[in-house]
Amino acid sequence: MRALDGIFVVALEQAVAAPYCTSRLADAGARVIKIERPEGDFARNYDHVAHGESAYFVWLNRGKESIVLDLKQEAALLERMIANADVFVQSLCITFDTLRLLVDGSKMLHEAFLSEK
C-alpha cells in the first residue's frame, strides 16, 4: 500500500509546476485525473521522442488518467468531479467565468468538508 492510496485528485493543469506536483501525488498512490482542454495540453507537442509522444509530457503525466473537457460546455461535470475530489489542483490562466466556477466549487468543497466534521 502506498501513502496516498484512496486519495482522489482532480488536476486542471499545464506546463510544469502543477503537473510535477500531481505526478508526485500519483507516484505516492493517488488517483489523479488530469483535465485537458479540447486542444490538449500544449506540452504534448514539445517533441515526439517517446514513442511518438512528448518525453516531457509523458514524464510529467505518468500515472495519471486524462479527460478532455470543454469547460464552457461541460462545467457541470467538472463541478461533480471537484465535489468528489479530495484534492483539486489548478494552474491555468483562466477566464473570469471559469474562475467563478472554480470559486463556487471551492465554496462547495469547503462546505462539504465542514459538514463532515
PDB file of N, CA and C in Angstrom:
ATOM      1  N   MET A   1       0.842  -1.179   0.000  1.00  0.00           N
ATOM      2  CA  MET A   1       0.000   0.000   0.000  1.00  0.00           C
ATOM      3  C   MET A   1       0.889   1.244   0.000  1.00  0.00           C
ATOM      4  N   ARG A   2       0.513   2.216  -0.834  1.00  0.00           N
ATOM      5  CA  ARG A   2       1.259   3.474  -0.897  1.00  0.00           C
ATOM      6  C   ARG A   2       0.560   4.542  -0.056  1.00  0.00           C
ATOM      7  N   ALA A   3       1.293   5.565   0.295  1.00  0.00           N
ATOM      8  CA  ALA A   3       0.821   6.577   1.248  1.00  0.00           C
ATOM      9  C   ALA A   3      -0.487   7.252   0.834  1.00  0.00           C
ATOM     10  N   LEU A   4      -0.704   7.473  -0.459  1.00  0.00           N
ATOM     11  CA  LEU A   4      -1.897   8.205  -0.894  1.00  0.00           C
ATOM     12  C   LEU A   4      -2.928   7.323  -1.591  1.00  0.00           C
ATOM     13  N   ASP A   5      -2.836   6.018  -1.409  1.00  0.00           N
ATOM     14  CA  ASP A   5      -3.875   5.133  -1.953  1.00  0.00           C
ATOM     15  C   ASP A   5      -5.236   5.583  -1.429  1.00  0.00           C
ATOM     16  N   GLY A   6      -6.218   5.665  -2.308  1.00  0.00           N
ATOM     17  CA  GLY A   6      -7.562   6.065  -1.917  1.00  0.00           C
ATOM     18  C   GLY A   6      -7.819   7.559  -2.017  1.00  0.00           C
ATOM     19  N   ILE A   7      -6.792   8.355  -2.302  1.00  0.00           N
ATOM     20  CA  ILE A   7      -6.963   9.802  -2.461  1.00  0.00           C
ATOM     21  C   ILE A   7      -7.274  10.098  -3.923  1.00  0.00           C
ATOM     22  N   PHE A   8      -8.296  10.931  -4.143  1.00  0.00           N
ATOM     23  CA  PHE A   8      -8.734  11.290  -5.497  1.00  0.00           C
ATOM     24  C   PHE A   8      -8.374  12.745  -5.765  1.00  0.00           C
ATOM     25  N   VAL A   9      -7.604  12.970  -6.834  1.00  0.00           N
ATOM     26  CA  VAL A   9      -7.116  14.298  -7.202  1.00  0.00           C
ATOM     27  C   VAL A   9      -7.668  14.675  -8.571  1.00  0.00           C
ATOM     28  N   VAL A  10      -8.225  15.880  -8.660  1.00  0.00           N
ATOM     29  CA  VAL A  10      -8.628  16.454  -9.947  1.00  0.00           C
ATOM     30  C   VAL A  10      -7.626  17.547 -10.258  1.00  0.00           C
ATOM     31  N   ALA A  11      -7.045  17.507 -11.457  1.00  0.00           N
ATOM     32  CA  ALA A  11      -5.989  18.448 -11.828  1.00  0.00           C
ATOM     33  C   ALA A  11      -6.360  19.182 -13.113  1.00  0.00           C
ATOM     34  N   LEU A  12      -6.479  20.481 -13.010  1.00  0.00           N
ATOM     35  CA  LEU A  12      -6.723  21.370 -14.150  1.00  0.00           C
ATOM     36  C   LEU A  12      -5.404  22.105 -14.342  1.00  0.00           C
ATOM     37  N   GLU A  13      -4.536  21.570 -15.230  1.00  0.00           N
ATOM     38  CA  GLU A  13      -3.139  21.962 -15.217  1.00  0.00           C
ATOM     39  C   GLU A  13      -2.496  21.920 -16.591  1.00  0.00           C
ATOM     40  N   GLN A  14      -1.379  22.616 -16.689  1.00  0.00           N
ATOM     41  CA  GLN A  14      -0.489  22.506 -17.836  1.00  0.00           C
ATOM     42  C   GLN A  14       0.857  23.080 -17.431  1.00  0.00           C
ATOM     43  N   ALA A  15       1.832  22.965 -18.309  1.00  0.00           N
ATOM     44  CA  ALA A  15       3.183  23.492 -18.107  1.00  0.00           C
ATOM     45  C   ALA A  15       3.969  22.638 -17.115  1.00  0.00           C
ATOM     46  N   VAL A  16       4.506  23.224 -16.019  1.00  0.00           N
ATOM     47  CA  VAL A  16       5.456  22.487 -15.182  1.00  0.00           C
ATOM     48  C   VAL A  16       4.998  22.276 -13.747  1.00  0.00           C
ATOM     49  N   ALA A  17       4.742  23.346 -13.013  1.00  0.00           N
ATOM     50  CA  ALA A  17       4.571  23.243 -11.561  1.00  0.00           C
ATOM     51  C   ALA A  17       3.461  22.282 -11.155  1.00  0.00           C
ATOM     52  N   ALA A  18       2.252  22.508 -11.623  1.00  0.00           N
ATOM     53  CA  ALA A  18       1.141  21.642 -11.221  1.00  0.00           C
ATOM     54  C   ALA A  18       1.293  20.220 -11.755  1.00  0.00           C
ATOM     55  N   PRO A  19       1.676  20.020 -13.037  1.00  0.00           N
ATOM     56  CA  PRO A  19       1.879  18.645 -13.487  1.00  0.00           C
ATOM     57  C   PRO A  19       2.951  17.897 -12.686  1.00  0.00           C
ATOM     58  N   TYR A  20       4.001  18.614 -12.284  1.00  0.00           N
ATOM     59  CA  TYR A  20       5.020  17.970 -11.466  1.00  0.00           C
ATOM     60  C   TYR A  20       4.438  17.590 -10.102  1.00  0.00           C
ATOM     61  N   CYS A  21       3.725  18.521  -9.500  1.00  0.00           N
ATOM     62  CA  CYS A  21       3.090  18.264  -8.203  1.00  0.00           C
ATOM     63  C   CYS A  21       2.181  17.036  -8.274  1.00  0.00           C
ATOM     64  N   THR A  22       1.300  17.002  -9.267  1.00  0.00           N
ATOM     65  CA  THR A  22       0.343  15.894  -9.340  1.00  0.00           C
ATOM     66  C   THR A  22       1.007  14.589  -9.773  1.00  0.00           C
ATOM     67  N   SER A  23       2.136  14.667 -10.485  1.00  0.00           N
ATOM     68  CA  SER A  23       2.858  13.422 -10.807  1.00  0.00           C
ATOM     69  C   SER A  23       3.409  12.807  -9.524  1.00  0.00           C
ATOM     70  N   ARG A  24       3.841  13.651  -8.599  1.00  0.00           N
ATOM     71  CA  ARG A  24       4.340  13.155  -7.308  1.00  0.00           C
ATOM     72  C   ARG A  24       3.187  12.550  -6.498  1.00  0.00           C
ATOM     73  N   LEU A  25       1.999  13.170  -6.565  1.00  0.00           N
ATOM     74  CA  LEU A  25       0.837  12.600  -5.877  1.00  0.00           C
ATOM     75  C   LEU A  25       0.488  11.230  -6.461  1.00  0.00           C
ATOM     76  N   ALA A  26       0.525  11.133  -7.802  1.00  0.00           N
ATOM     77  CA  ALA A  26       0.253   9.846  -8.457  1.00  0.00           C
ATOM     78  C   ALA A  26       1.307   8.811  -8.076  1.00  0.00           C
ATOM     79  N   ASP A  27       2.582   9.221  -8.032  1.00  0.00           N
ATOM     80  CA  ASP A  27       3.652   8.299  -7.626  1.00  0.00           C
ATOM     81  C   ASP A  27       3.412   7.752  -6.219  1.00  0.00           C
ATOM     82  N   ALA A  28       2.779   8.571  -5.371  1.00  0.00           N
ATOM     83  CA  ALA A  28       2.519   8.158  -3.989  1.00  0.00           C
ATOM     84  C   ALA A  28       1.212   7.382  -3.850  1.00  0.00           C
ATOM     85  N   GLY A  29       0.527   7.128  -4.971  1.00  0.00           N
ATOM     86  CA  GLY A  29      -0.655   6.275  -4.940  1.00  0.00           C
ATOM     87  C   GLY A  29      -1.985   6.944  -5.188  1.00  0.00           C
ATOM     88  N   ALA A  30      -2.016   8.272  -5.282  1.00  0.00           N
ATOM     89  CA  ALA A  30      -3.292   8.963  -5.515  1.00  0.00           C
ATOM     90  C   ALA A  30      -3.803   8.664  -6.923  1.00  0.00           C
ATOM     91  N   ARG A  31      -5.106   8.649  -7.058  1.00  0.00           N
ATOM     92  CA  ARG A  31      -5.729   8.575  -8.376  1.00  0.00           C
ATOM     93  C   ARG A  31      -5.845  10.022  -8.873  1.00  0.00           C
ATOM     94  N   VAL A  32      -5.135  10.337  -9.948  1.00  0.00           N
ATOM     95  CA  VAL A  32      -5.104  11.696 -10.480  1.00  0.00           C
ATOM     96  C   VAL A  32      -5.781  11.707 -11.838  1.00  0.00           C
ATOM     97  N   ILE A  33      -6.789  12.568 -11.970  1.00  0.00           N
ATOM     98  CA  ILE A  33      -7.425  12.774 -13.275  1.00  0.00           C
ATOM     99  C   ILE A  33      -7.065  14.166 -13.746  1.00  0.00           C
ATOM    100  N   LYS A  34      -6.355  14.210 -14.867  1.00  0.00           N
ATOM    101  CA  LYS A  34      -5.919  15.467 -15.486  1.00  0.00           C
ATOM    102  C   LYS A  34      -7.005  15.918 -16.450  1.00  0.00           C
ATOM    103  N   ILE A  35      -7.471  17.158 -16.271  1.00  0.00           N
ATOM    104  CA  ILE A  35      -8.458  17.747 -17.170  1.00  0.00           C
ATOM    105  C   ILE A  35      -7.702  18.492 -18.261  1.00  0.00           C
ATOM    106  N   GLU A  36      -8.009  18.177 -19.511  1.00  0.00           N
ATOM    107  CA  GLU A  36      -7.378  18.882 -20.624  1.00  0.00           C
ATOM    108  C   GLU A  36      -8.429  19.595 -21.455  1.00  0.00           C
ATOM    109  N   ARG A  37      -8.020  20.725 -22.002  1.00  0.00           N
ATOM    110  CA  ARG A  37      -8.883  21.466 -22.928  1.00  0.00           C
ATOM    111  C   ARG A  37      -9.028  20.659 -24.221  1.00  0.00           C
ATOM    112  N   PRO A  38     -10.032  20.960 -25.046  1.00  0.00           N
ATOM    113  CA  PRO A  38     -10.208  20.207 -26.297  1.00  0.00           C
ATOM    114  C   PRO A  38      -8.954  20.163 -27.172  1.00  0.00           C
ATOM    115  N   GLU A  39      -8.159  21.228 -27.156  1.00  0.00           N
ATOM    116  CA  GLU A  39      -6.927  21.220 -27.954  1.00  0.00           C
ATOM    117  C   GLU A  39      -5.776  20.514 -27.251  1.00  0.00           C
ATOM    118  N   GLY A  40      -5.995  20.102 -26.023  1.00  0.00           N
ATOM    119  CA  GLY A  40      -4.984  19.355 -25.273  1.00  0.00           C
ATOM    120  C   GLY A  40      -3.949  20.242 -24.617  1.00  0.00           C
ATOM    121  N   ASP A  41      -3.160  19.654 -23.753  1.00  0.00           N
ATOM    122  CA  ASP A  41      -2.059  20.338 -23.085  1.00  0.00           C
ATOM    123  C   ASP A  41      -1.005  20.652 -24.142  1.00  0.00           C
ATOM    124  N   PHE A  42      -0.538  21.900 -24.190  1.00  0.00           N
ATOM    125  CA  PHE A  42       0.438  22.279 -25.208  1.00  0.00           C
ATOM    126  C   PHE A  42       1.744  21.504 -25.077  1.00  0.00           C
ATOM    127  N   ALA A  43       2.025  20.967 -23.915  1.00  0.00           N
ATOM    128  CA  ALA A  43       3.253  20.193 -23.710  1.00  0.00           C
ATOM    129  C   ALA A  43       3.237  18.877 -24.490  1.00  0.00           C
ATOM    130  N   ARG A  44       2.083  18.440 -24.939  1.00  0.00           N
ATOM    131  CA  ARG A  44       2.008  17.221 -25.755  1.00  0.00           C
ATOM    132  C   ARG A  44       2.823  17.354 -27.041  1.00  0.00           C
ATOM    133  N   ASN A  45       3.037  18.586 -27.474  1.00  0.00           N
ATOM    134  CA  ASN A  45       3.712  18.815 -28.758  1.00  0.00           C
ATOM    135  C   ASN A  45       5.125  19.362 -28.618  1.00  0.00           C
ATOM    136  N   TYR A  46       5.724  19.291 -27.441  1.00  0.00           N
ATOM    137  CA  TYR A  46       7.099  19.778 -27.276  1.00  0.00           C
ATOM    138  C   TYR A  46       8.075  19.009 -28.160  1.00  0.00           C
ATOM    139  N   ASP A  47       7.895  17.720 -28.250  1.00  0.00           N
ATOM    140  CA  ASP A  47       8.729  16.862 -29.099  1.00  0.00           C
ATOM    141  C   ASP A  47       7.931  15.588 -29.341  1.00  0.00           C
ATOM    142  N   HIS A  48       8.518  14.644 -30.017  1.00  0.00           N
ATOM    143  CA  HIS A  48       7.818  13.377 -30.287  1.00  0.00           C
ATOM    144  C   HIS A  48       8.784  12.198 -30.143  1.00  0.00           C
ATOM    145  N   VAL A  49       9.644  12.247 -29.134  1.00  0.00           N
ATOM    146  CA  VAL A  49      10.700  11.244 -28.995  1.00  0.00           C
ATOM    147  C   VAL A  49      10.322  10.030 -28.137  1.00  0.00           C
ATOM    148  N   ALA A  50       9.247  10.097 -27.387  1.00  0.00           N
ATOM    149  CA  ALA A  50       8.842   8.974 -26.529  1.00  0.00           C
ATOM    150  C   ALA A  50       7.733   8.191 -27.236  1.00  0.00           C
ATOM    151  N   HIS A  51       8.149   7.345 -28.155  1.00  0.00           N
ATOM    152  CA  HIS A  51       7.199   6.557 -28.945  1.00  0.00           C
ATOM    153  C   HIS A  51       6.148   7.450 -29.611  1.00  0.00           C
ATOM    154  N   GLY A  52       6.603   8.567 -30.181  1.00  0.00           N
ATOM    155  CA  GLY A  52       5.715   9.488 -30.884  1.00  0.00           C
ATOM    156  C   GLY A  52       5.072  10.543 -30.000  1.00  0.00           C
ATOM    157  N   GLU A  53       5.322  10.487 -28.697  1.00  0.00           N
ATOM    158  CA  GLU A  53       4.765  11.481 -27.784  1.00  0.00           C
ATOM    159  C   GLU A  53       5.890  12.314 -27.188  1.00  0.00           C
ATOM    160  N   SER A  54       5.518  13.432 -26.591  1.00  0.00           N
ATOM    161  CA  SER A  54       6.493  14.310 -25.956  1.00  0.00           C
ATOM    162  C   SER A  54       7.079  13.652 -24.713  1.00  0.00           C
ATOM    163  N   ALA A  55       8.407  13.557 -24.658  1.00  0.00           N
ATOM    164  CA  ALA A  55       9.064  12.969 -23.491  1.00  0.00           C
ATOM    165  C   ALA A  55       8.728  13.763 -22.235  1.00  0.00           C
ATOM    166  N   TYR A  56       8.704  15.071 -22.359  1.00  0.00           N
ATOM    167  CA  TYR A  56       8.376  15.945 -21.241  1.00  0.00           C
ATOM    168  C   TYR A  56       6.965  15.664 -20.743  1.00  0.00           C
ATOM    169  N   PHE A  57       6.004  15.590 -21.672  1.00  0.00           N
ATOM    170  CA  PHE A  57       4.609  15.346 -21.298  1.00  0.00           C
ATOM    171  C   PHE A  57       4.456  13.972 -20.645  1.00  0.00           C
ATOM    172  N   VAL A  58       5.072  12.969 -21.231  1.00  0.00           N
ATOM    173  CA  VAL A  58       4.975  11.607 -20.685  1.00  0.00           C
ATOM    174  C   VAL A  58       5.570  11.551 -19.281  1.00  0.00           C
ATOM    175  N   TRP A  59       6.713  12.199 -19.064  1.00  0.00           N
ATOM    176  CA  TRP A  59       7.363  12.177 -17.757  1.00  0.00           C
ATOM    177  C   TRP A  59       6.500  12.857 -16.698  1.00  0.00           C
ATOM    178  N   LEU A  60       5.933  14.042 -17.019  1.00  0.00           N
ATOM    179  CA  LEU A  60       5.164  14.788 -16.021  1.00  0.00           C
ATOM    180  C   LEU A  60       3.741  14.255 -15.814  1.00  0.00           C
ATOM    181  N   ASN A  61       3.266  13.417 -16.703  1.00  0.00           N
ATOM    182  CA  ASN A  61       1.881  12.956 -16.598  1.00  0.00           C
ATOM    183  C   ASN A  61       1.767  11.446 -16.427  1.00  0.00           C
ATOM    184  N   ARG A  62       2.879  10.833 -16.067  1.00  0.00           N
ATOM    185  CA  ARG A  62       2.864   9.386 -15.832  1.00  0.00           C
ATOM    186  C   ARG A  62       1.925   9.070 -14.665  1.00  0.00           C
ATOM    187  N   GLY A  63       1.238   7.975 -14.775  1.00  0.00           N
ATOM    188  CA  GLY A  63       0.391   7.533 -13.678  1.00  0.00           C
ATOM    189  C   GLY A  63      -0.931   8.262 -13.535  1.00  0.00           C
ATOM    190  N   LYS A  64      -1.237   9.160 -14.462  1.00  0.00           N
ATOM    191  CA  LYS A  64      -2.485   9.922 -14.380  1.00  0.00           C
ATOM    192  C   LYS A  64      -3.478   9.412 -15.418  1.00  0.00           C
ATOM    193  N   GLU A  65      -4.742   9.632 -15.124  1.00  0.00           N
ATOM    194  CA  GLU A  65      -5.789   9.463 -16.116  1.00  0.00           C
ATOM    195  C   GLU A  65      -6.018  10.842 -16.727  1.00  0.00           C
ATOM    196  N   SER A  66      -6.621  10.873 -17.903  1.00  0.00           N
ATOM    197  CA  SER A  66      -6.837  12.155 -18.560  1.00  0.00           C
ATOM    198  C   SER A  66      -8.225  12.182 -19.181  1.00  0.00           C
ATOM    199  N   ILE A  67      -8.855  13.356 -19.122  1.00  0.00           N
ATOM    200  CA  ILE A  67     -10.157  13.545 -19.755  1.00  0.00           C
ATOM    201  C   ILE A  67     -10.145  14.914 -20.424  1.00  0.00           C
ATOM    202  N   VAL A  68     -10.766  14.996 -21.582  1.00  0.00           N
ATOM    203  CA  VAL A  68     -10.897  16.267 -22.288  1.00  0.00           C
ATOM    204  C   VAL A  68     -12.250  16.865 -21.948  1.00  0.00           C
ATOM    205  N   LEU A  69     -12.228  18.122 -21.465  1.00  0.00           N
ATOM    206  CA  LEU A  69     -13.469  18.828 -21.153  1.00  0.00           C
ATOM    207  C   LEU A  69     -13.436  20.224 -21.761  1.00  0.00           C
ATOM    208  N   ASP A  70     -14.516  20.599 -22.384  1.00  0.00           N
ATOM    209  CA  ASP A  70     -14.721  21.988 -22.784  1.00  0.00           C
ATOM    210  C   ASP A  70     -15.435  22.629 -21.603  1.00  0.00           C
ATOM    211  N   LEU A  71     -14.724  23.429 -20.825  1.00  0.00           N
ATOM    212  CA  LEU A  71     -15.273  23.958 -19.579  1.00  0.00           C
ATOM    213  C   LEU A  71     -16.498  24.830 -19.795  1.00  0.00           C
ATOM    214  N   LYS A  72     -16.632  25.425 -20.977  1.00  0.00           N
ATOM    215  CA  LYS A  72     -17.817  26.237 -21.249  1.00  0.00           C
ATOM    216  C   LYS A  72     -19.050  25.364 -21.452  1.00  0.00           C
ATOM    217  N   GLN A  73     -18.842  24.156 -21.964  1.00  0.00           N
ATOM    218  CA  GLN A  73     -19.953  23.260 -22.251  1.00  0.00           C
ATOM    219  C   GLN A  73     -20.171  22.197 -21.181  1.00  0.00           C
ATOM    220  N   GLU A  74     -19.120  21.875 -20.435  1.00  0.00           N
ATOM    221  CA  GLU A  74     -19.188  20.745 -19.511  1.00  0.00           C
ATOM    222  C   GLU A  74     -18.822  21.128 -18.075  1.00  0.00           C
ATOM    223  N   ALA A  75     -19.194  22.335 -17.686  1.00  0.00           N
ATOM    224  CA  ALA A  75     -18.882  22.822 -16.336  1.00  0.00           C
ATOM    225  C   ALA A  75     -19.517  21.951 -15.263  1.00  0.00           C
ATOM    226  N   ALA A  76     -20.703  21.435 -15.527  1.00  0.00           N
ATOM    227  CA  ALA A  76     -21.392  20.614 -14.519  1.00  0.00           C
ATOM    228  C   ALA A  76     -20.598  19.347 -14.207  1.00  0.00           C
ATOM    229  N   LEU A  77     -19.985  18.753 -15.225  1.00  0.00           N
ATOM    230  CA  LEU A  77     -19.168  17.565 -14.991  1.00  0.00           C
ATOM    231  C   LEU A  77     -17.945  17.914 -14.144  1.00  0.00           C
ATOM    232  N   LEU A  78     -17.303  19.048 -14.446  1.00  0.00           N
ATOM    233  CA  LEU A  78     -16.172  19.483 -13.637  1.00  0.00           C
ATOM    234  C   LEU A  78     -16.605  19.723 -12.191  1.00  0.00           C
ATOM    235  N   GLU A  79     -17.741  20.353 -11.995  1.00  0.00           N
ATOM    236  CA  GLU A  79     -18.254  20.581 -10.638  1.00  0.00           C
ATOM    237  C   GLU A  79     -18.440  19.267  -9.889  1.00  0.00           C
ATOM    238  N   ARG A  80     -19.003  18.262 -10.563  1.00  0.00           N
ATOM    239  CA  ARG A  80     -19.208  16.956  -9.908  1.00  0.00           C
ATOM    240  C   ARG A  80     -17.873  16.303  -9.561  1.00  0.00           C
ATOM    241  N   MET A  81     -16.909  16.436 -10.473  1.00  0.00           N
ATOM    242  CA  MET A  81     -15.600  15.846 -10.211  1.00  0.00           C
ATOM    243  C   MET A  81     -14.947  16.519  -9.004  1.00  0.00           C
ATOM    244  N   ILE A  82     -14.994  17.855  -8.959  1.00  0.00           N
ATOM    245  CA  ILE A  82     -14.398  18.588  -7.842  1.00  0.00           C
ATOM    246  C   ILE A  82     -15.109  18.225  -6.537  1.00  0.00           C
ATOM    247  N   ALA A  83     -16.426  18.085  -6.603  1.00  0.00           N
ATOM    248  CA  ALA A  83     -17.184  17.749  -5.390  1.00  0.00           C
ATOM    249  C   ALA A  83     -16.764  16.400  -4.811  1.00  0.00           C
ATOM    250  N   ASN A  84     -16.302  15.493  -5.667  1.00  0.00           N
ATOM    251  CA  ASN A  84     -15.885  14.165  -5.206  1.00  0.00           C
ATOM    252  C   ASN A  84     -14.396  14.057  -4.930  1.00  0.00           C
ATOM    253  N   ALA A  85     -13.649  15.118  -5.212  1.00  0.00           N
ATOM    254  CA  ALA A  85     -12.194  15.087  -5.061  1.00  0.00           C
ATOM    255  C   ALA A  85     -11.770  15.321  -3.615  1.00  0.00           C
ATOM    256  N   ASP A  86     -10.657  14.707  -3.270  1.00  0.00           N
ATOM    257  CA  ASP A  86     -10.001  15.018  -2.007  1.00  0.00           C
ATOM    258  C   ASP A  86      -9.076  16.223  -2.185  1.00  0.00           C
ATOM    259  N   VAL A  87      -8.524  16.355  -3.397  1.00  0.00           N
ATOM    260  CA  VAL A  87      -7.584  17.432  -3.717  1.00  0.00           C
ATOM    261  C   VAL A  87      -7.939  17.980  -5.081  1.00  0.00           C
ATOM    262  N   PHE A  88      -7.908  19.308  -5.214  1.00  0.00           N
ATOM    263  CA  PHE A  88      -8.101  19.967  -6.503  1.00  0.00           C
ATOM    264  C   PHE A  88      -6.898  20.868  -6.760  1.00  0.00           C
ATOM    265  N   VAL A  89      -6.208  20.644  -7.887  1.00  0.00           N
ATOM    266  CA  VAL A  89      -5.041  21.433  -8.262  1.00  0.00           C
ATOM    267  C   VAL A  89      -5.379  22.161  -9.551  1.00  0.00           C
ATOM    268  N   GLN A  90      -5.111  23.482  -9.572  1.00  0.00           N
ATOM    269  CA  GLN A  90      -5.423  24.308 -10.736  1.00  0.00           C
ATOM    270  C   GLN A  90      -4.259  25.235 -11.019  1.00  0.00           C
ATOM    271  N   SER A  91      -3.809  25.277 -12.282  1.00  0.00           N
ATOM    272  CA  SER A  91      -2.695  26.166 -12.624  1.00  0.00           C
ATOM    273  C   SER A  91      -2.862  26.825 -13.991  1.00  0.00           C
ATOM    274  N   LEU A  92      -4.085  27.004 -14.430  1.00  0.00           N
ATOM    275  CA  LEU A  92      -4.308  27.595 -15.746  1.00  0.00           C
ATOM    276  C   LEU A  92      -4.563  29.087 -15.651  1.00  0.00           C
ATOM    277  N   CYS A  93      -4.234  29.777 -16.701  1.00  0.00           N
ATOM    278  CA  CYS A  93      -4.663  31.166 -16.858  1.00  0.00           C
ATOM    279  C   CYS A  93      -6.082  31.062 -17.404  1.00  0.00           C
ATOM    280  N   ILE A  94      -7.056  31.499 -16.621  1.00  0.00           N
ATOM    281  CA  ILE A  94      -8.447  31.214 -16.963  1.00  0.00           C
ATOM    282  C   ILE A  94      -9.281  32.488 -17.049  1.00  0.00           C
ATOM    283  N   THR A  95     -10.447  32.356 -17.654  1.00  0.00           N
ATOM    284  CA  THR A  95     -11.359  33.489 -17.789  1.00  0.00           C
ATOM    285  C   THR A  95     -12.086  33.745 -16.470  1.00  0.00           C
ATOM    286  N   PHE A  96     -12.706  34.913 -16.371  1.00  0.00           N
ATOM    287  CA  PHE A  96     -13.455  35.253 -15.169  1.00  0.00           C
ATOM    288  C   PHE A  96     -14.585  34.255 -14.921  1.00  0.00           C
ATOM    289  N   ASP A  97     -15.300  33.848 -15.974  1.00  0.00           N
ATOM    290  CA  ASP A  97     -16.400  32.891 -15.800  1.00  0.00           C
ATOM    291  C   ASP A  97     -15.897  31.566 -15.247  1.00  0.00           C
ATOM    292  N   THR A  98     -14.753  31.114 -15.745  1.00  0.00           N
ATOM    293  CA  THR A  98     -14.194  29.865 -15.249  1.00  0.00           C
ATOM    294  C   THR A  98     -13.727  30.031 -13.812  1.00  0.00           C
ATOM    295  N   LEU A  99     -13.128  31.175 -13.505  1.00  0.00           N
ATOM    296  CA  LEU A  99     -12.714  31.441 -12.129  1.00  0.00           C
ATOM    297  C   LEU A  99     -13.908  31.404 -11.190  1.00  0.00           C
ATOM    298  N   ARG A 100     -15.026  31.983 -11.611  1.00  0.00           N
ATOM    299  CA  ARG A 100     -16.235  31.964 -10.780  1.00  0.00           C
ATOM    300  C   ARG A 100     -16.672  30.524 -10.527  1.00  0.00           C
ATOM    301  N   LEU A 101     -16.625  29.684 -11.566  1.00  0.00           N
ATOM    302  CA  LEU A 101     -16.968  28.265 -11.410  1.00  0.00           C
ATOM    303  C   LEU A 101     -16.053  27.614 -10.375  1.00  0.00           C
ATOM    304  N   LEU A 102     -14.753  27.900 -10.455  1.00  0.00           N
ATOM    305  CA  LEU A 102     -13.810  27.291  -9.522  1.00  0.00           C
ATOM    306  C   LEU A 102     -14.019  27.801  -8.104  1.00  0.00           C
ATOM    307  N   VAL A 103     -14.299  29.084  -7.964  1.00  0.00           N
ATOM    308  CA  VAL A 103     -14.563  29.638  -6.633  1.00  0.00           C
ATOM    309  C   VAL A 103     -15.824  29.020  -6.054  1.00  0.00           C
ATOM    310  N   ASP A 104     -16.877  28.927  -6.866  1.00  0.00           N
ATOM    311  CA  ASP A 104     -18.103  28.278  -6.397  1.00  0.00           C
ATOM    312  C   ASP A 104     -17.820  26.831  -6.009  1.00  0.00           C
ATOM    313  N   GLY A 105     -17.009  26.144  -6.819  1.00  0.00           N
ATOM    314  CA  GLY A 105     -16.629  24.770  -6.497  1.00  0.00           C
ATOM    315  C   GLY A 105     -15.850  24.694  -5.201  1.00  0.00           C
ATOM    316  N   SER A 106     -14.954  25.668  -4.982  1.00  0.00           N
ATOM    317  CA  SER A 106     -14.178  25.690  -3.744  1.00  0.00           C
ATOM    318  C   SER A 106     -15.086  25.907  -2.548  1.00  0.00           C
ATOM    319  N   LYS A 107     -16.056  26.813  -2.671  1.00  0.00           N
ATOM    320  CA  LYS A 107     -17.006  27.038  -1.579  1.00  0.00           C
ATOM    321  C   LYS A 107     -17.787  25.763  -1.290  1.00  0.00           C
ATOM    322  N   MET A 108     -18.199  25.085  -2.370  1.00  0.00           N
ATOM    323  CA  MET A 108     -18.955  23.850  -2.223  1.00  0.00           C
ATOM    324  C   MET A 108     -18.095  22.811  -1.501  1.00  0.00           C
ATOM    325  N   LEU A 109     -16.807  22.700  -1.883  1.00  0.00           N
ATOM    326  CA  LEU A 109     -15.919  21.748  -1.224  1.00  0.00           C
ATOM    327  C   LEU A 109     -15.720  22.118   0.237  1.00  0.00           C
ATOM    328  N   HIS A 110     -15.495  23.393   0.493  1.00  0.00           N
ATOM    329  CA  HIS A 110     -15.281  23.858   1.865  1.00  0.00           C
ATOM    330  C   HIS A 110     -16.494  23.517   2.735  1.00  0.00           C
ATOM    331  N   GLU A 111     -17.693  23.786   2.222  1.00  0.00           N
ATOM    332  CA  GLU A 111     -18.908  23.479   2.975  1.00  0.00           C
ATOM    333  C   GLU A 111     -19.047  21.981   3.194  1.00  0.00           C
ATOM    334  N   ALA A 112     -18.682  21.189   2.186  1.00  0.00           N
ATOM    335  CA  ALA A 112     -18.781  19.740   2.313  1.00  0.00           C
ATOM    336  C   ALA A 112     -17.837  19.233   3.397  1.00  0.00           C
ATOM    337  N   PHE A 113     -16.606  19.757   3.423  1.00  0.00           N
ATOM    338  CA  PHE A 113     -15.636  19.325   4.428  1.00  0.00           C
ATOM    339  C   PHE A 113     -16.062  19.765   5.819  1.00  0.00           C
ATOM    340  N   LEU A 114     -16.605  20.969   5.945  1.00  0.00           N
ATOM    341  CA  LEU A 114     -17.063  21.445   7.247  1.00  0.00           C
ATOM    342  C   LEU A 114     -18.230  20.610   7.758  1.00  0.00           C
ATOM    343  N   SER A 115     -19.121  20.201   6.853  1.00  0.00           N
ATOM    344  CA  SER A 115     -20.292  19.445   7.286  1.00  0.00           C
ATOM    345  C   SER A 115     -19.916  18.020   7.713  1.00  0.00           C
ATOM    346  N   GLU A 116     -18.750  17.527   7.273  1.00  0.00           N
ATOM    347  CA  GLU A 116     -18.315  16.175   7.661  1.00  0.00           C
ATOM    348  C   GLU A 116     -17.797  16.141   9.082  1.00  0.00           C
ATOM    349  N   LYS A 117     -17.418  17.282   9.643  1.00  0.00           N
ATOM    350  CA  LYS A 117     -16.790  17.308  10.972  1.00  0.00           C
ATOM    351  C   LYS A 117     -17.786  17.445  12.073  1.00  0.00           C
TER     352      LYS A 117
END
